[in-house]
Amino acid sequence: MQEIDEQFYKFPKMLMMADAYVSRKTGEIVRLTDADKNVYVVMKARNEFFDNHYDKQSDIAEMCNLTVRKAGGAIREFTKHGIIESSKVYSGGEHKNLKYTKIHCLELLRAEGEGDNRKHIPIGILPETIWQKVEKKVVVPKAAQQKSIYTPPAPNWDDEEGLPF
């Protein structure tokens, strides 16, 4: 059996609870599917790591375990509503690739109620800090901070004449 390299994407609880977001371009409420959420998390994480990235839609689809059609549709929808910023890059004049330059945070909503009583309640905006790399801080207990820690003297490496080695 092949061992799988463990990699994780953060999937914020706020995003898991949401079923819509606000378009950055039009202000309209846009439905958010589970597939959209997967594509968003992967794209956001990769953009935070690489700043600009050139992933093929087939690679993104594979990372999300989606069809290329479904992943491509999510990317087009996010681009249409200003969540994903990209530019076309031509290589040798034949191939057109997209360079993803910015993945914006989503303003998330959750639907409550049924039928005509259905309302979208704002959940909040995903903070940028969710995906930023944070260095781990070493926490030293107060008891250890107050105790004096014995440091042994440095060894004397000089020979009998006082010269090192």
N, C-alpha and C. Protein backbone atom coordinates (compact mmCIF):
# COMPACT_ATOMS: atom_id res chain seq x y z
N MET A 1 0.85 -1.18 0.00
CA MET A 1 0.00 0.00 0.00
C MET A 1 0.89 1.24 0.00
N GLN A 2 0.56 2.22 -0.83
CA GLN A 2 1.34 3.44 -0.93
C GLN A 2 1.00 4.36 0.23
N GLU A 3 2.05 4.91 0.84
CA GLU A 3 1.84 5.83 1.95
C GLU A 3 1.52 7.21 1.41
N ILE A 4 0.55 7.86 1.98
CA ILE A 4 0.12 9.18 1.53
C ILE A 4 0.80 10.24 2.37
N ASP A 5 1.39 11.23 1.68
CA ASP A 5 2.01 12.36 2.37
C ASP A 5 0.90 13.17 3.02
N GLU A 6 1.00 13.39 4.33
CA GLU A 6 -0.06 14.10 5.05
C GLU A 6 0.06 15.60 4.80
N GLN A 7 -0.93 16.15 4.18
CA GLN A 7 -1.04 17.58 3.99
C GLN A 7 -2.45 17.96 4.39
N PHE A 8 -2.58 19.14 4.96
CA PHE A 8 -3.87 19.57 5.47
C PHE A 8 -4.22 20.95 4.92
N TYR A 9 -5.49 21.14 4.66
CA TYR A 9 -6.02 22.45 4.35
C TYR A 9 -6.94 22.84 5.49
N LYS A 10 -6.83 24.08 5.94
CA LYS A 10 -7.74 24.54 6.99
C LYS A 10 -9.10 24.81 6.38
N PHE A 11 -10.11 24.27 7.01
CA PHE A 11 -11.48 24.45 6.54
C PHE A 11 -12.24 25.10 7.69
N PRO A 12 -12.29 26.43 7.71
CA PRO A 12 -12.88 27.15 8.85
C PRO A 12 -14.34 26.79 9.10
N LYS A 13 -14.70 26.73 10.36
CA LYS A 13 -16.07 26.41 10.75
C LYS A 13 -17.07 27.37 10.12
N MET A 14 -16.71 28.65 10.07
CA MET A 14 -17.59 29.66 9.48
C MET A 14 -17.90 29.32 8.02
N LEU A 15 -16.90 28.84 7.30
CA LEU A 15 -17.09 28.46 5.90
C LEU A 15 -17.96 27.20 5.80
N MET A 16 -17.76 26.28 6.72
CA MET A 16 -18.56 25.05 6.72
C MET A 16 -20.04 25.34 6.95
N MET A 17 -20.34 26.33 7.77
CA MET A 17 -21.73 26.67 8.10
C MET A 17 -22.42 27.48 7.00
N ALA A 18 -21.64 28.12 6.14
CA ALA A 18 -22.20 29.03 5.14
C ALA A 18 -22.82 28.28 3.97
N ASP A 19 -23.82 28.90 3.37
CA ASP A 19 -24.37 28.35 2.13
C ASP A 19 -24.50 29.42 1.05
N ALA A 20 -23.89 30.59 1.30
CA ALA A 20 -23.88 31.66 0.30
C ALA A 20 -22.78 32.67 0.66
N TYR A 21 -22.44 33.50 -0.31
CA TYR A 21 -21.49 34.59 -0.08
C TYR A 21 -21.95 35.81 -0.86
N VAL A 22 -21.36 36.96 -0.54
CA VAL A 22 -21.73 38.20 -1.21
C VAL A 22 -20.73 38.47 -2.34
N SER A 23 -21.25 38.71 -3.54
CA SER A 23 -20.40 39.02 -4.68
C SER A 23 -19.67 40.33 -4.44
N ARG A 24 -18.36 40.34 -4.68
CA ARG A 24 -17.57 41.57 -4.52
C ARG A 24 -17.88 42.56 -5.65
N LYS A 25 -18.35 42.07 -6.79
CA LYS A 25 -18.62 42.95 -7.93
C LYS A 25 -20.03 43.52 -7.93
N THR A 26 -21.03 42.69 -7.61
CA THR A 26 -22.42 43.13 -7.74
C THR A 26 -23.14 43.28 -6.41
N GLY A 27 -22.62 42.69 -5.35
CA GLY A 27 -23.29 42.74 -4.06
C GLY A 27 -24.42 41.73 -3.92
N GLU A 28 -24.64 40.93 -4.96
CA GLU A 28 -25.71 39.93 -4.88
C GLU A 28 -25.29 38.74 -4.03
N ILE A 29 -26.26 37.99 -3.59
CA ILE A 29 -26.02 36.78 -2.81
C ILE A 29 -25.83 35.62 -3.78
N VAL A 30 -24.71 34.92 -3.63
CA VAL A 30 -24.35 33.82 -4.53
C VAL A 30 -24.34 32.52 -3.73
N ARG A 31 -25.01 31.50 -4.26
CA ARG A 31 -25.06 30.18 -3.61
C ARG A 31 -23.66 29.60 -3.52
N LEU A 32 -23.38 28.91 -2.42
CA LEU A 32 -22.06 28.32 -2.17
C LEU A 32 -22.24 26.82 -1.90
N THR A 33 -21.78 25.99 -2.82
CA THR A 33 -21.91 24.54 -2.66
C THR A 33 -20.69 23.98 -1.93
N ASP A 34 -20.78 22.71 -1.55
CA ASP A 34 -19.64 22.05 -0.91
C ASP A 34 -18.45 21.99 -1.87
N ALA A 35 -18.70 21.77 -3.15
CA ALA A 35 -17.63 21.74 -4.14
C ALA A 35 -16.96 23.11 -4.23
N ASP A 36 -17.77 24.18 -4.21
CA ASP A 36 -17.22 25.54 -4.23
C ASP A 36 -16.31 25.78 -3.02
N LYS A 37 -16.74 25.30 -1.87
CA LYS A 37 -15.95 25.47 -0.64
C LYS A 37 -14.61 24.78 -0.76
N ASN A 38 -14.61 23.55 -1.30
CA ASN A 38 -13.35 22.82 -1.48
C ASN A 38 -12.41 23.56 -2.43
N VAL A 39 -12.94 24.02 -3.55
CA VAL A 39 -12.12 24.76 -4.51
C VAL A 39 -11.59 26.04 -3.87
N TYR A 40 -12.44 26.74 -3.14
CA TYR A 40 -12.01 27.99 -2.49
C TYR A 40 -10.86 27.74 -1.51
N VAL A 41 -10.99 26.74 -0.65
CA VAL A 41 -9.97 26.46 0.36
C VAL A 41 -8.64 26.11 -0.31
N VAL A 42 -8.67 25.27 -1.33
CA VAL A 42 -7.44 24.89 -2.03
C VAL A 42 -6.82 26.10 -2.72
N MET A 43 -7.63 26.88 -3.42
CA MET A 43 -7.11 28.04 -4.14
C MET A 43 -6.55 29.08 -3.16
N LYS A 44 -7.23 29.32 -2.07
CA LYS A 44 -6.79 30.30 -1.08
C LYS A 44 -5.47 29.85 -0.45
N ALA A 45 -5.39 28.59 -0.07
CA ALA A 45 -4.17 28.07 0.56
C ALA A 45 -2.99 28.14 -0.41
N ARG A 46 -3.21 27.78 -1.66
CA ARG A 46 -2.12 27.80 -2.65
C ARG A 46 -1.70 29.24 -2.95
N ASN A 47 -2.65 30.15 -2.99
CA ASN A 47 -2.32 31.55 -3.26
C ASN A 47 -1.56 32.17 -2.09
N GLU A 48 -1.88 31.79 -0.88
CA GLU A 48 -1.15 32.28 0.28
C GLU A 48 0.28 31.76 0.29
N PHE A 49 0.46 30.52 -0.16
CA PHE A 49 1.79 29.91 -0.15
C PHE A 49 2.64 30.44 -1.30
N PHE A 50 2.07 30.55 -2.51
CA PHE A 50 2.84 30.92 -3.69
C PHE A 50 2.68 32.38 -4.11
N ASP A 51 1.81 33.15 -3.50
CA ASP A 51 1.45 34.51 -3.92
C ASP A 51 0.76 34.49 -5.28
N ASN A 52 1.46 34.17 -6.34
CA ASN A 52 0.86 34.01 -7.66
C ASN A 52 1.06 32.55 -8.05
N HIS A 53 0.04 31.93 -8.61
CA HIS A 53 0.22 30.55 -9.02
C HIS A 53 -0.48 30.29 -10.34
N TYR A 54 -0.02 29.27 -11.04
CA TYR A 54 -0.46 28.96 -12.39
C TYR A 54 -1.11 27.58 -12.48
N ASP A 55 -1.80 27.14 -11.48
CA ASP A 55 -2.38 25.79 -11.46
C ASP A 55 -3.35 25.58 -12.61
N LYS A 56 -3.27 24.40 -13.20
CA LYS A 56 -4.24 24.01 -14.23
C LYS A 56 -5.53 23.60 -13.52
N GLN A 57 -6.65 23.79 -14.19
CA GLN A 57 -7.92 23.42 -13.60
C GLN A 57 -7.98 21.92 -13.32
N SER A 58 -7.32 21.13 -14.14
CA SER A 58 -7.31 19.69 -13.90
C SER A 58 -6.56 19.36 -12.61
N ASP A 59 -5.49 20.11 -12.31
CA ASP A 59 -4.76 19.89 -11.05
C ASP A 59 -5.60 20.29 -9.84
N ILE A 60 -6.29 21.41 -9.97
CA ILE A 60 -7.16 21.87 -8.88
C ILE A 60 -8.28 20.86 -8.66
N ALA A 61 -8.86 20.37 -9.75
CA ALA A 61 -9.92 19.37 -9.66
C ALA A 61 -9.42 18.11 -8.95
N GLU A 62 -8.21 17.69 -9.28
CA GLU A 62 -7.65 16.49 -8.65
C GLU A 62 -7.42 16.72 -7.15
N MET A 63 -6.92 17.92 -6.78
CA MET A 63 -6.69 18.22 -5.37
C MET A 63 -7.99 18.23 -4.58
N CYS A 64 -9.10 18.59 -5.24
CA CYS A 64 -10.40 18.68 -4.57
C CYS A 64 -11.24 17.42 -4.74
N ASN A 65 -10.74 16.46 -5.51
CA ASN A 65 -11.48 15.24 -5.82
C ASN A 65 -12.81 15.57 -6.51
N LEU A 66 -12.70 16.47 -7.51
CA LEU A 66 -13.86 16.89 -8.30
C LEU A 66 -13.58 16.65 -9.77
N THR A 67 -14.61 16.73 -10.59
CA THR A 67 -14.41 16.70 -12.03
C THR A 67 -13.83 18.05 -12.47
N VAL A 68 -13.17 18.05 -13.60
CA VAL A 68 -12.60 19.29 -14.13
C VAL A 68 -13.74 20.28 -14.41
N ARG A 69 -14.84 19.78 -14.89
CA ARG A 69 -15.99 20.64 -15.19
C ARG A 69 -16.51 21.35 -13.93
N LYS A 70 -16.61 20.59 -12.83
CA LYS A 70 -17.13 21.16 -11.58
C LYS A 70 -16.14 22.15 -10.98
N ALA A 71 -14.85 21.81 -10.97
CA ALA A 71 -13.82 22.71 -10.44
C ALA A 71 -13.72 23.97 -11.31
N GLY A 72 -13.74 23.78 -12.63
CA GLY A 72 -13.68 24.92 -13.54
C GLY A 72 -14.87 25.84 -13.39
N GLY A 73 -16.05 25.27 -13.17
CA GLY A 73 -17.25 26.08 -12.95
C GLY A 73 -17.14 26.91 -11.69
N ALA A 74 -16.60 26.31 -10.63
CA ALA A 74 -16.43 27.04 -9.37
C ALA A 74 -15.43 28.19 -9.56
N ILE A 75 -14.33 27.92 -10.25
CA ILE A 75 -13.33 28.97 -10.49
C ILE A 75 -13.91 30.09 -11.33
N ARG A 76 -14.65 29.75 -12.38
CA ARG A 76 -15.28 30.78 -13.22
C ARG A 76 -16.27 31.62 -12.42
N GLU A 77 -17.04 30.98 -11.57
CA GLU A 77 -18.03 31.69 -10.75
C GLU A 77 -17.34 32.63 -9.75
N PHE A 78 -16.28 32.15 -9.09
CA PHE A 78 -15.54 33.00 -8.17
C PHE A 78 -14.89 34.18 -8.91
N THR A 79 -14.40 33.93 -10.11
CA THR A 79 -13.78 35.00 -10.90
C THR A 79 -14.83 36.02 -11.33
N LYS A 80 -15.98 35.53 -11.75
CA LYS A 80 -17.09 36.40 -12.18
C LYS A 80 -17.52 37.35 -11.06
N HIS A 81 -17.47 36.89 -9.82
CA HIS A 81 -17.92 37.68 -8.68
C HIS A 81 -16.79 38.39 -7.94
N GLY A 82 -15.58 38.36 -8.50
CA GLY A 82 -14.47 39.13 -7.94
C GLY A 82 -13.77 38.49 -6.77
N ILE A 83 -14.03 37.23 -6.49
CA ILE A 83 -13.37 36.54 -5.38
C ILE A 83 -11.97 36.10 -5.81
N ILE A 84 -11.85 35.58 -7.02
CA ILE A 84 -10.55 35.19 -7.57
C ILE A 84 -10.16 36.22 -8.62
N GLU A 85 -8.95 36.75 -8.47
CA GLU A 85 -8.38 37.64 -9.49
C GLU A 85 -7.34 36.85 -10.26
N SER A 86 -7.44 36.93 -11.58
CA SER A 86 -6.49 36.21 -12.42
C SER A 86 -6.20 37.02 -13.67
N SER A 87 -5.12 36.64 -14.34
CA SER A 87 -4.79 37.27 -15.61
C SER A 87 -4.33 36.19 -16.57
N LYS A 88 -4.53 36.42 -17.86
CA LYS A 88 -4.14 35.45 -18.87
C LYS A 88 -2.66 35.61 -19.18
N VAL A 89 -1.98 34.48 -19.26
CA VAL A 89 -0.56 34.46 -19.59
C VAL A 89 -0.40 33.55 -20.80
N TYR A 90 0.26 34.05 -21.82
CA TYR A 90 0.46 33.26 -23.03
C TYR A 90 1.88 32.70 -23.04
N SER A 91 2.00 31.43 -23.35
CA SER A 91 3.32 30.81 -23.44
C SER A 91 3.55 30.38 -24.88
N GLY A 92 4.44 31.07 -25.56
CA GLY A 92 4.75 30.73 -26.94
C GLY A 92 3.63 31.05 -27.91
N GLY A 93 2.66 31.84 -27.49
CA GLY A 93 1.57 32.24 -28.36
C GLY A 93 0.51 31.18 -28.59
N GLU A 94 0.76 29.95 -28.16
CA GLU A 94 -0.20 28.89 -28.42
C GLU A 94 -1.12 28.60 -27.24
N HIS A 95 -0.55 28.55 -26.05
CA HIS A 95 -1.33 28.15 -24.88
C HIS A 95 -1.64 29.35 -24.00
N LYS A 96 -2.85 29.35 -23.51
CA LYS A 96 -3.29 30.40 -22.60
C LYS A 96 -3.44 29.79 -21.21
N ASN A 97 -2.70 30.30 -20.26
CA ASN A 97 -2.82 29.85 -18.88
C ASN A 97 -3.33 31.01 -18.04
N LEU A 98 -3.90 30.68 -16.89
CA LEU A 98 -4.33 31.72 -15.97
C LEU A 98 -3.33 31.82 -14.83
N LYS A 99 -2.96 33.03 -14.52
CA LYS A 99 -2.12 33.29 -13.35
C LYS A 99 -3.05 33.84 -12.29
N TYR A 100 -3.19 33.10 -11.19
CA TYR A 100 -4.07 33.51 -10.10
C TYR A 100 -3.29 34.44 -9.19
N THR A 101 -3.72 35.70 -9.12
CA THR A 101 -2.95 36.70 -8.39
C THR A 101 -3.48 37.00 -6.99
N LYS A 102 -4.78 36.84 -6.79
CA LYS A 102 -5.35 37.15 -5.47
C LYS A 102 -6.63 36.36 -5.28
N ILE A 103 -6.74 35.77 -4.10
CA ILE A 103 -7.98 35.10 -3.71
C ILE A 103 -8.50 35.87 -2.50
N HIS A 104 -9.61 36.57 -2.68
CA HIS A 104 -10.15 37.42 -1.62
C HIS A 104 -10.93 36.61 -0.59
N CYS A 105 -11.03 37.16 0.59
CA CYS A 105 -11.81 36.52 1.64
C CYS A 105 -13.30 36.66 1.33
N LEU A 106 -14.05 35.65 1.70
CA LEU A 106 -15.49 35.63 1.44
C LEU A 106 -16.27 36.29 2.56
N GLU A 107 -17.31 37.03 2.16
CA GLU A 107 -18.30 37.53 3.12
C GLU A 107 -19.42 36.49 3.12
N LEU A 108 -19.50 35.74 4.19
CA LEU A 108 -20.35 34.55 4.23
C LEU A 108 -21.73 34.80 4.81
N LEU A 109 -22.70 34.02 4.31
CA LEU A 109 -24.09 34.10 4.75
C LEU A 109 -24.62 32.69 4.99
N ARG A 110 -25.61 32.60 5.85
CA ARG A 110 -26.28 31.32 6.12
C ARG A 110 -27.78 31.54 5.97
N ALA A 111 -28.43 30.64 5.27
CA ALA A 111 -29.87 30.75 5.04
C ALA A 111 -30.62 30.17 6.23
N GLU A 112 -31.67 30.89 6.63
CA GLU A 112 -32.56 30.41 7.70
C GLU A 112 -33.99 30.55 7.22
N GLY A 113 -34.81 29.60 7.62
CA GLY A 113 -36.22 29.65 7.24
C GLY A 113 -36.47 28.86 5.97
N GLU A 114 -37.74 28.76 5.61
CA GLU A 114 -38.15 28.00 4.43
C GLU A 114 -39.00 28.86 3.52
N GLY A 115 -38.97 28.56 2.24
CA GLY A 115 -39.83 29.21 1.26
C GLY A 115 -39.73 30.73 1.26
N ASP A 116 -40.91 31.39 1.39
CA ASP A 116 -40.94 32.86 1.36
C ASP A 116 -40.31 33.47 2.61
N ASN A 117 -40.21 32.71 3.68
CA ASN A 117 -39.62 33.22 4.92
C ASN A 117 -38.10 33.04 4.97
N ARG A 118 -37.52 32.53 3.92
CA ARG A 118 -36.08 32.26 3.88
C ARG A 118 -35.31 33.57 3.85
N LYS A 119 -34.39 33.71 4.79
CA LYS A 119 -33.55 34.91 4.89
C LYS A 119 -32.09 34.49 4.98
N HIS A 120 -31.21 35.32 4.47
CA HIS A 120 -29.78 35.06 4.58
C HIS A 120 -29.22 35.92 5.72
N ILE A 121 -28.66 35.24 6.69
CA ILE A 121 -28.09 35.89 7.87
C ILE A 121 -26.58 35.98 7.70
N PRO A 122 -26.01 37.18 7.85
CA PRO A 122 -24.54 37.30 7.74
C PRO A 122 -23.82 36.51 8.84
N ILE A 123 -22.82 35.75 8.46
CA ILE A 123 -22.00 35.01 9.42
C ILE A 123 -20.74 35.81 9.73
N GLY A 124 -20.18 36.41 8.70
CA GLY A 124 -18.96 37.19 8.87
C GLY A 124 -18.05 37.05 7.66
N ILE A 125 -16.92 37.70 7.74
CA ILE A 125 -15.91 37.65 6.68
C ILE A 125 -14.76 36.79 7.18
N LEU A 126 -14.34 35.85 6.34
CA LEU A 126 -13.20 35.02 6.72
C LEU A 126 -11.97 35.89 6.89
N PRO A 127 -11.30 35.84 8.03
CA PRO A 127 -10.11 36.67 8.21
C PRO A 127 -8.92 36.11 7.45
N GLU A 128 -8.03 36.99 7.01
CA GLU A 128 -6.82 36.58 6.30
C GLU A 128 -5.94 35.70 7.18
N THR A 129 -5.98 35.91 8.49
CA THR A 129 -5.07 35.21 9.40
C THR A 129 -5.29 33.71 9.44
N ILE A 130 -6.39 33.23 8.92
CA ILE A 130 -6.64 31.79 8.93
C ILE A 130 -5.56 31.05 8.14
N TRP A 131 -5.10 31.65 7.05
CA TRP A 131 -4.15 30.96 6.19
C TRP A 131 -2.73 31.48 6.32
N GLN A 132 -2.48 32.50 7.12
CA GLN A 132 -1.12 33.00 7.25
C GLN A 132 -0.30 32.07 8.12
N LYS A 133 0.97 31.98 7.76
CA LYS A 133 1.87 31.13 8.52
C LYS A 133 2.21 31.82 9.83
N VAL A 134 2.04 31.11 10.93
CA VAL A 134 2.32 31.66 12.25
C VAL A 134 3.40 30.80 12.88
N GLU A 135 4.45 31.47 13.37
CA GLU A 135 5.51 30.72 14.03
C GLU A 135 5.04 30.30 15.41
N LYS A 136 5.41 29.09 15.78
CA LYS A 136 5.03 28.60 17.09
C LYS A 136 5.91 29.27 18.14
N LYS A 137 5.29 29.69 19.22
CA LYS A 137 6.01 30.30 20.33
C LYS A 137 6.24 29.25 21.40
N VAL A 138 7.42 29.27 21.96
CA VAL A 138 7.72 28.36 23.05
C VAL A 138 7.24 29.01 24.34
N VAL A 139 6.37 28.33 25.04
CA VAL A 139 5.83 28.85 26.29
C VAL A 139 6.62 28.24 27.45
N VAL A 140 7.22 29.13 28.25
CA VAL A 140 7.98 28.69 29.41
C VAL A 140 7.12 28.95 30.64
N PRO A 141 6.85 27.91 31.43
CA PRO A 141 6.02 28.09 32.63
C PRO A 141 6.64 29.13 33.57
N LYS A 142 5.78 29.86 34.30
CA LYS A 142 6.26 30.90 35.21
C LYS A 142 7.21 30.33 36.26
N ALA A 143 6.92 29.13 36.74
CA ALA A 143 7.79 28.51 37.76
C ALA A 143 9.20 28.35 37.21
N ALA A 144 9.33 27.96 35.96
CA ALA A 144 10.66 27.78 35.36
C ALA A 144 11.33 29.13 35.11
N GLN A 145 10.53 30.16 34.85
CA GLN A 145 11.11 31.49 34.62
C GLN A 145 11.70 32.06 35.89
N GLN A 146 11.08 31.77 37.04
CA GLN A 146 11.52 32.35 38.30
C GLN A 146 12.71 31.61 38.90
N LYS A 147 12.87 30.35 38.62
CA LYS A 147 13.99 29.58 39.16
C LYS A 147 15.27 29.98 38.43
N SER A 148 16.36 30.03 39.17
CA SER A 148 17.63 30.27 38.48
C SER A 148 18.09 28.94 37.91
N ILE A 149 18.48 28.97 36.69
CA ILE A 149 18.90 27.76 36.02
C ILE A 149 20.42 27.71 36.04
N TYR A 150 20.97 26.60 36.54
CA TYR A 150 22.41 26.44 36.65
C TYR A 150 23.01 26.21 35.27
N THR A 151 24.00 27.01 34.93
CA THR A 151 24.72 26.85 33.70
C THR A 151 26.15 26.46 34.05
N PRO A 152 26.62 25.30 33.64
CA PRO A 152 27.97 24.90 33.99
C PRO A 152 28.99 25.80 33.30
N PRO A 153 30.17 25.97 33.91
CA PRO A 153 31.19 26.81 33.28
C PRO A 153 31.67 26.17 31.98
N ALA A 154 32.11 27.01 31.06
CA ALA A 154 32.62 26.52 29.79
C ALA A 154 33.89 25.73 30.02
N PRO A 155 34.12 24.65 29.30
CA PRO A 155 35.33 23.86 29.50
C PRO A 155 36.56 24.64 29.05
N ASN A 156 37.66 24.35 29.69
CA ASN A 156 38.93 24.98 29.34
C ASN A 156 39.62 24.09 28.34
N TRP A 157 39.72 24.56 27.11
CA TRP A 157 40.30 23.76 26.04
C TRP A 157 41.78 24.09 25.82
N ASP A 158 42.32 24.94 26.66
CA ASP A 158 43.73 25.30 26.49
C ASP A 158 44.62 24.16 26.97
N ASP A 159 45.80 24.03 26.35
CA ASP A 159 46.76 23.04 26.83
C ASP A 159 47.56 23.63 27.98
N GLU A 160 48.60 22.91 28.42
CA GLU A 160 49.35 23.36 29.60
C GLU A 160 50.00 24.72 29.40
N GLU A 161 50.31 25.12 28.18
CA GLU A 161 50.98 26.38 27.92
C GLU A 161 49.96 27.54 27.73
N GLY A 162 48.68 27.24 27.84
CA GLY A 162 47.66 28.28 27.69
C GLY A 162 47.23 28.52 26.26
N LEU A 163 47.68 27.68 25.35
CA LEU A 163 47.31 27.83 23.94
C LEU A 163 46.20 26.83 23.60
N PRO A 164 45.27 27.26 22.80
CA PRO A 164 44.23 26.30 22.43
C PRO A 164 44.81 25.19 21.57
N PHE A 165 44.59 23.96 21.95
CA PHE A 165 45.04 22.75 21.26
C PHE A 165 46.49 22.86 20.91
